[in-house]
């Protein structure tokens, strides 16, 4: 070591005033707390699978499948019985009641205009003076022969005749035809669906897979350097070499987990159709009302009421 120059103060270093190596710098942010390590997938796969089993509720799924199938069969049978009962009740009404409930005036107008297009014309509402549909003759002075079917002979066809006298009779005629058709269908009985047997199948499949993979890479390297220190007058004080060792570690950790559930439900029903006769659904009074409107039963009634021709009594031969 060379002495300092004359007049140049020697540098003084106070160790007491030097900041401690481990003391935090003033104003520096506090270090972040260390995070907890992520659990491995193989450790959490069982917990995830158990949570999925509880969330799916397979017994509840099976119960809903059974209840839904039963309710569907019962509801279908109830709706079928209600529809047939309503049909029987409609046919058992009088012609006036049935026509009032099931045939509107506009339907009768459509029937009349379609039946006699050469003489009758249907005018629709125009949003002005005519607020509803109206039947009018296509020409003046028409006297069609079909007016005799409605008890109007020798009169000229007019709007008043069509709307006031012909339309009510046409409405009853259309209602009678519909009621007769329904009565024939009712007399045939109800063709209902009966479930013979069947099966309900349900299953659930759980699939759980987990994989943990970790890759570690380690590398070491050396960087040699030469160091020369010179003195005050240009003389070489000392020379030496320093070597820097560098080591790196690369860690790649991957956690993969997959949980899957498949639900399967199947319902098989084997059914047949059978005819339920009217006698099992209605009493004798209602059956008589239905038969009154059935054309087949009305045609068979006079034949049954005709007296049968008595066969001649066999002659007895006496012995001599």
Protein backbone atom coordinates (compact mmCIF):
# COMPACT_ATOMS: atom_id res chain seq x y z
CA UNK A 1 0.00 0.00 0.00
CA UNK A 2 1.30 3.50 -0.84
CA UNK A 3 0.94 6.35 1.69
CA UNK A 4 -1.43 9.12 0.80
CA UNK A 5 -0.21 12.27 -0.85
CA UNK A 6 0.81 15.29 1.23
CA UNK A 7 -2.15 17.50 1.95
CA UNK A 8 -4.67 14.93 0.87
CA UNK A 9 -6.76 13.73 3.72
CA UNK A 10 -6.98 10.03 4.13
CA UNK A 11 -10.44 8.66 3.51
CA UNK A 12 -12.15 7.68 6.67
CA UNK A 13 -14.86 5.07 6.71
CA UNK A 14 -17.08 4.66 9.70
CA UNK A 15 -18.36 1.16 10.10
CA UNK A 16 -20.81 2.32 12.66
CA UNK A 17 -22.51 4.63 10.18
CA UNK A 18 -22.71 2.01 7.43
CA UNK A 19 -26.21 0.66 6.99
CA UNK A 20 -26.79 -2.92 7.97
CA UNK A 21 -26.95 -5.37 5.09
CA UNK A 22 -30.19 -6.89 6.24
CA UNK A 23 -31.92 -3.61 7.17
CA UNK A 24 -34.76 -2.72 4.81
CA UNK A 25 -34.37 0.43 2.76
CA UNK A 26 -36.46 3.40 3.75
CA UNK A 27 -39.61 3.62 1.60
CA UNK A 28 -39.19 0.16 0.03
CA UNK A 29 -42.37 -1.94 -0.27
CA UNK A 30 -42.84 -4.80 2.14
CA UNK A 31 -42.19 -8.24 0.68
CA UNK A 32 -45.30 -10.16 -0.44
CA UNK A 33 -46.32 -13.06 1.76
CA UNK A 34 -45.49 -16.47 0.45
CA UNK A 35 -48.46 -18.22 -1.21
CA UNK A 36 -49.46 -21.70 -0.19
CA UNK A 37 -48.44 -24.39 -2.65
CA UNK A 38 -51.15 -25.68 -4.96
CA UNK A 39 -52.35 -29.13 -3.94
CA UNK A 40 -51.66 -31.94 -6.32
CA UNK A 41 -54.43 -33.23 -8.58
CA UNK A 42 -54.11 -36.76 -7.22
CA UNK A 43 -54.87 -35.43 -3.74
CA UNK A 44 -58.03 -33.51 -4.72
CA UNK A 45 -59.56 -35.89 -7.26
CA UNK A 46 -61.37 -37.95 -4.63
CA UNK A 47 -62.92 -34.86 -3.04
CA UNK A 48 -64.10 -33.54 -6.41
CA UNK A 49 -65.60 -36.88 -7.40
CA UNK A 50 -67.44 -37.13 -4.08
CA UNK A 51 -68.86 -33.63 -4.48
CA UNK A 52 -70.13 -34.49 -7.96
CA UNK A 53 -71.81 -37.65 -6.68
CA UNK A 54 -73.68 -35.64 -4.04
CA UNK A 55 -74.62 -32.92 -6.51
CA UNK A 56 -76.04 -35.28 -9.16
CA UNK A 57 -78.37 -37.11 -6.73
CA UNK A 58 -78.78 -40.30 -8.73
CA UNK A 59 -81.54 -41.72 -6.46
CA UNK A 60 -83.58 -38.58 -7.06
CA UNK A 61 -83.05 -38.94 -10.81
CA UNK A 62 -84.36 -42.51 -10.74
CA UNK A 63 -87.36 -41.48 -8.62
CA UNK A 64 -88.27 -38.68 -11.03
CA UNK A 65 -87.99 -41.08 -13.96
CA UNK A 66 -90.35 -43.59 -12.34
CA UNK A 67 -92.83 -40.93 -11.18
CA UNK A 68 -92.79 -39.19 -14.55
CA UNK A 69 -93.54 -42.44 -16.39
CA UNK A 70 -96.38 -43.31 -14.05
CA UNK A 71 -97.88 -39.82 -14.21
CA UNK A 72 -97.71 -39.81 -18.02
CA UNK A 73 -99.61 -43.11 -18.25
CA UNK A 74 -102.25 -42.05 -15.74
CA UNK A 75 -102.71 -38.59 -17.31
CA UNK A 76 -103.13 -40.13 -20.77
CA UNK A 77 -105.84 -42.48 -19.48
CA UNK A 78 -107.62 -39.67 -17.63
CA UNK A 79 -107.60 -37.36 -20.66
CA UNK A 80 -108.93 -40.14 -22.87
CA UNK A 81 -111.79 -40.87 -20.47
CA UNK A 82 -112.62 -37.17 -20.09
CA UNK A 83 -112.68 -36.65 -23.86
CA UNK A 84 -114.98 -39.61 -24.40
CA UNK A 85 -117.26 -38.54 -21.56
CA UNK A 86 -117.49 -35.04 -23.03
CA UNK A 87 -118.35 -36.56 -26.41
CA UNK A 88 -121.12 -38.65 -24.88
CA UNK A 89 -122.51 -35.62 -23.05
CA UNK A 90 -122.52 -33.56 -26.25
CA UNK A 91 -124.31 -36.23 -28.26
CA UNK A 92 -126.93 -36.72 -25.52
CA UNK A 93 -128.05 -33.07 -25.78
CA UNK A 94 -130.98 -31.90 -27.83
CA UNK A 95 -130.43 -30.70 -31.37
CA UNK A 96 -131.02 -27.07 -30.44
CA UNK A 97 -128.53 -27.20 -27.56
CA UNK A 98 -125.90 -28.99 -29.63
CA UNK A 99 -126.29 -26.55 -32.53
CA UNK A 100 -126.11 -23.51 -30.27
CA UNK A 101 -122.86 -24.71 -28.71
CA UNK A 102 -121.10 -26.20 -31.73
CA UNK A 103 -122.33 -24.45 -34.91
CA UNK A 104 -121.90 -20.69 -35.31
CA UNK A 105 -123.90 -18.53 -37.76
CA UNK A 106 -120.78 -17.88 -39.83
CA UNK A 107 -120.21 -21.61 -40.21
CA UNK A 108 -123.76 -21.97 -41.50
CA UNK A 109 -123.17 -19.06 -43.92
CA UNK A 110 -120.03 -20.74 -45.24
CA UNK A 111 -121.91 -24.00 -45.73
CA UNK A 112 -124.75 -22.29 -47.60
CA UNK A 113 -122.44 -20.26 -49.87
CA UNK A 114 -120.40 -23.37 -50.66
CA UNK A 115 -123.47 -25.52 -51.29
CA UNK A 116 -125.17 -23.04 -53.68
CA UNK A 117 -122.38 -20.94 -55.21
CA UNK A 118 -124.43 -20.03 -58.28
CA UNK A 119 -127.21 -18.26 -56.37
CA UNK A 120 -125.72 -17.25 -52.99
CA UNK A 121 -122.78 -14.94 -52.33
CA UNK A 122 -121.07 -14.31 -49.00
CA UNK A 123 -120.01 -10.72 -48.26
CA UNK A 124 -117.38 -10.21 -45.57
CA UNK A 125 -117.29 -7.21 -43.19
CA UNK A 126 -115.83 -4.10 -44.86
CA UNK A 127 -115.21 -2.04 -41.73
CA UNK A 128 -117.96 0.43 -42.61
CA UNK A 129 -121.71 -0.09 -42.60
CA UNK A 130 -121.38 -3.88 -42.87
CA UNK A 131 -119.96 -5.01 -39.55
CA UNK A 132 -120.57 -8.76 -39.97
CA UNK A 133 -120.75 -11.32 -42.75
CA UNK A 134 -123.92 -11.32 -44.82
CA UNK A 135 -125.56 -13.58 -47.41
CA UNK A 136 -126.85 -11.90 -50.57
CA UNK A 137 -128.23 -13.28 -53.86
CA UNK A 138 -125.93 -13.06 -56.85
CA UNK A 139 -128.69 -11.61 -59.04
CA UNK A 140 -132.16 -10.20 -58.71
CA UNK A 141 -135.31 -12.20 -59.42
CA UNK A 142 -133.83 -15.61 -58.57
CA UNK A 143 -136.24 -18.30 -57.44
CA UNK A 144 -134.14 -21.46 -57.02
CA UNK A 145 -135.83 -24.80 -56.53
CA UNK A 146 -133.82 -25.68 -53.44
CA UNK A 147 -135.80 -23.13 -51.42
CA UNK A 148 -138.52 -25.78 -51.24
CA UNK A 149 -136.27 -27.85 -48.98
CA UNK A 150 -136.61 -25.11 -46.38
CA UNK A 151 -140.37 -24.57 -46.81
CA UNK A 152 -140.04 -21.46 -48.97
CA UNK A 153 -141.73 -22.10 -52.31
CA UNK A 154 -142.47 -19.49 -54.94
CA UNK A 155 -140.61 -16.64 -53.23
CA UNK A 156 -137.86 -14.53 -54.64
CA UNK A 157 -134.38 -15.01 -53.19
CA UNK A 158 -133.31 -11.99 -51.12
CA UNK A 159 -130.98 -11.06 -48.30
CA UNK A 160 -133.83 -11.09 -45.80
CA UNK A 161 -134.94 -14.56 -46.87
CA UNK A 162 -131.40 -15.92 -46.63
CA UNK A 163 -130.55 -14.35 -43.28
CA UNK A 164 -133.89 -14.61 -41.45
CA UNK A 165 -135.48 -17.79 -42.79
CA UNK A 166 -132.93 -19.99 -44.51
CA UNK A 167 -129.91 -19.46 -42.24
CA UNK A 168 -131.53 -20.79 -39.00
CA UNK A 169 -132.65 -23.95 -40.79
CA UNK A 170 -129.23 -24.46 -42.34
CA UNK A 171 -127.63 -24.05 -38.95
CA UNK A 172 -129.85 -26.77 -37.48
CA UNK A 173 -129.14 -28.99 -40.45
CA UNK A 174 -125.38 -28.68 -40.04
CA UNK A 175 -125.69 -29.30 -36.30
CA UNK A 176 -127.83 -32.39 -36.90
CA UNK A 177 -125.30 -33.87 -39.33
CA UNK A 178 -122.45 -33.34 -36.89
CA UNK A 179 -124.41 -34.77 -34.00
CA UNK A 180 -125.33 -37.87 -35.99
CA UNK A 181 -121.70 -38.45 -36.92
CA UNK A 182 -120.59 -38.11 -33.31
CA UNK A 183 -123.38 -40.41 -32.16
CA UNK A 184 -122.17 -43.11 -34.55
CA UNK A 185 -118.64 -42.76 -33.20
CA UNK A 186 -119.88 -42.96 -29.62
CA UNK A 187 -121.86 -46.13 -30.33
CA UNK A 188 -118.68 -47.84 -31.51
CA UNK A 189 -117.21 -47.49 -28.02
CA UNK A 190 -113.91 -46.08 -26.84
CA UNK A 191 -110.67 -47.47 -28.19
CA UNK A 192 -108.35 -47.01 -25.24
CA UNK A 193 -104.67 -47.82 -24.81
CA UNK A 194 -103.71 -50.32 -22.12
CA UNK A 195 -100.12 -50.79 -20.96
CA UNK A 196 -99.28 -54.47 -20.68
CA UNK A 197 -95.71 -54.38 -19.42
CA UNK A 198 -92.53 -52.40 -19.70
CA UNK A 199 -89.18 -51.62 -18.19
CA UNK A 200 -87.32 -48.62 -16.81
CA UNK A 201 -83.53 -48.57 -17.01
CA UNK A 202 -81.29 -45.94 -15.49
CA UNK A 203 -77.59 -45.82 -14.80
CA UNK A 204 -74.84 -43.34 -14.02
CA UNK A 205 -71.17 -43.56 -14.93
CA UNK A 206 -68.49 -41.54 -13.16
CA UNK A 207 -65.08 -41.03 -14.69
CA UNK A 208 -62.27 -39.40 -12.72
CA UNK A 209 -58.69 -39.01 -13.89
CA UNK A 210 -55.76 -37.11 -12.36
CA UNK A 211 -52.17 -36.58 -13.43
CA UNK A 212 -49.25 -34.79 -11.76
CA UNK A 213 -46.09 -34.13 -13.75
CA UNK A 214 -42.98 -32.21 -12.75
CA UNK A 215 -39.85 -31.50 -14.78
CA UNK A 216 -36.67 -30.05 -13.22
CA UNK A 217 -33.76 -28.69 -15.28
CA UNK A 218 -30.39 -27.87 -13.64
CA UNK A 219 -27.49 -26.11 -15.36
CA UNK A 220 -24.08 -24.90 -14.06
CA UNK A 221 -21.63 -22.56 -15.85
CA UNK A 222 -18.26 -20.86 -15.04
CA UNK A 223 -17.08 -17.42 -16.27
CA UNK A 224 -13.32 -16.86 -15.54
CA UNK A 225 -12.09 -13.20 -15.50
CA UNK A 226 -8.60 -11.60 -15.11
CA UNK A 227 -8.18 -8.69 -12.67
CA UNK A 228 -5.23 -6.22 -12.68
CA UNK A 229 -4.81 -3.54 -9.98
CA UNK A 230 -2.40 -0.65 -10.64
CA UNK A 231 -0.65 1.48 -8.12
CA UNK A 232 -0.41 5.26 -7.86
CA UNK A 233 2.62 5.69 -10.16
CA UNK A 234 1.49 3.24 -12.75
CA UNK A 235 3.14 0.27 -11.18
CA UNK A 236 1.32 -2.98 -11.20
CA UNK A 237 0.25 -3.68 -7.68
CA UNK A 238 -1.07 -7.22 -8.12
CA UNK A 239 -2.88 -9.31 -10.61
CA UNK A 240 -5.27 -12.16 -10.15
CA UNK A 241 -8.12 -14.11 -11.64
CA UNK A 242 -11.73 -14.41 -10.46
CA UNK A 243 -14.16 -17.11 -11.50
CA UNK A 244 -17.96 -16.65 -11.46
CA UNK A 245 -20.10 -19.78 -11.05
CA UNK A 246 -23.66 -19.52 -12.42
CA UNK A 247 -26.26 -22.22 -11.73
CA UNK A 248 -29.89 -22.20 -12.95
CA UNK A 249 -32.80 -24.39 -11.95
CA UNK A 250 -35.97 -24.62 -14.10
CA UNK A 251 -39.04 -26.29 -12.59
CA UNK A 252 -42.17 -27.09 -14.65
CA UNK A 253 -45.04 -28.61 -12.63
CA UNK A 254 -48.38 -29.52 -14.22
CA UNK A 255 -51.53 -30.74 -12.47
CA UNK A 256 -54.38 -32.12 -14.56
CA UNK A 257 -57.66 -33.54 -13.30
CA UNK A 258 -60.88 -34.47 -15.09
CA UNK A 259 -64.18 -35.49 -13.50
CA UNK A 260 -67.10 -36.54 -15.70
CA UNK A 261 -70.54 -38.04 -15.05
CA UNK A 262 -72.91 -39.61 -17.62
CA UNK A 263 -76.58 -40.17 -16.78
CA UNK A 264 -78.67 -42.58 -18.82
CA UNK A 265 -82.40 -43.24 -18.61
CA UNK A 266 -84.60 -45.43 -20.80
CA UNK A 267 -88.30 -46.29 -20.60
CA UNK A 268 -89.89 -49.09 -22.63
CA UNK A 269 -93.65 -49.63 -22.62
CA UNK A 270 -95.56 -52.38 -24.38
CA UNK A 271 -99.23 -51.53 -24.82
CA UNK A 272 -102.27 -52.81 -26.65
CA UNK A 273 -105.54 -51.19 -27.64
CA UNK A 274 -108.91 -52.48 -26.59
CA UNK A 275 -112.47 -51.36 -27.20
CA UNK A 276 -114.48 -50.29 -24.19
CA UNK A 277 -118.23 -50.51 -24.95
CA UNK A 278 -120.59 -47.65 -24.24
CA UNK A 279 -122.53 -49.74 -21.71
CA UNK A 280 -119.57 -49.61 -19.33
CA UNK A 281 -119.34 -45.81 -19.45
CA UNK A 282 -122.93 -44.51 -19.47
CA UNK A 283 -126.25 -45.40 -17.91
CA UNK A 284 -129.32 -46.60 -19.78
CA UNK A 285 -130.93 -43.14 -20.01
CA UNK A 286 -127.91 -41.54 -21.60
CA UNK A 287 -127.45 -44.48 -23.95
CA UNK A 288 -131.04 -44.03 -25.11
CA UNK A 289 -130.37 -40.34 -25.85
CA UNK A 290 -127.28 -41.25 -27.84
CA UNK A 291 -129.14 -43.91 -29.80
CA UNK A 292 -131.82 -41.38 -30.64
CA UNK A 293 -129.30 -39.34 -32.65
CA UNK A 294 -127.54 -42.31 -34.28
CA UNK A 295 -128.76 -42.96 -37.86
CA UNK A 296 -127.91 -46.66 -37.66
CA UNK A 297 -129.94 -47.17 -34.48
CA UNK A 298 -132.89 -45.20 -35.85
CA UNK A 299 -132.92 -47.33 -38.99
CA UNK A 300 -132.80 -50.53 -36.96
CA UNK A 301 -135.63 -49.47 -34.63
CA UNK A 302 -138.55 -49.83 -37.13
CA UNK A 303 -137.32 -53.25 -38.21
CA UNK A 304 -137.20 -54.42 -34.61
CA UNK A 305 -140.65 -53.01 -33.87
CA UNK A 306 -142.32 -54.82 -36.80
CA UNK A 307 -144.25 -57.87 -35.59
CA UNK A 308 -142.76 -61.15 -36.52
CA UNK A 309 -144.83 -63.43 -38.75
CA UNK A 310 -145.92 -66.41 -36.74
CA UNK A 311 -144.94 -69.72 -38.19
CA UNK A 312 -147.79 -72.21 -38.77
CA UNK A 313 -148.19 -74.76 -36.04
CA UNK A 314 -147.17 -78.25 -37.05
CA UNK A 315 -150.09 -80.59 -37.69
CA UNK A 316 -150.40 -83.67 -35.62
CA UNK A 317 -151.17 -86.88 -37.35
CA UNK A 318 -153.42 -89.19 -35.44
CA UNK A 319 -153.04 -92.89 -35.68
CA UNK A 320 -155.88 -94.93 -37.02
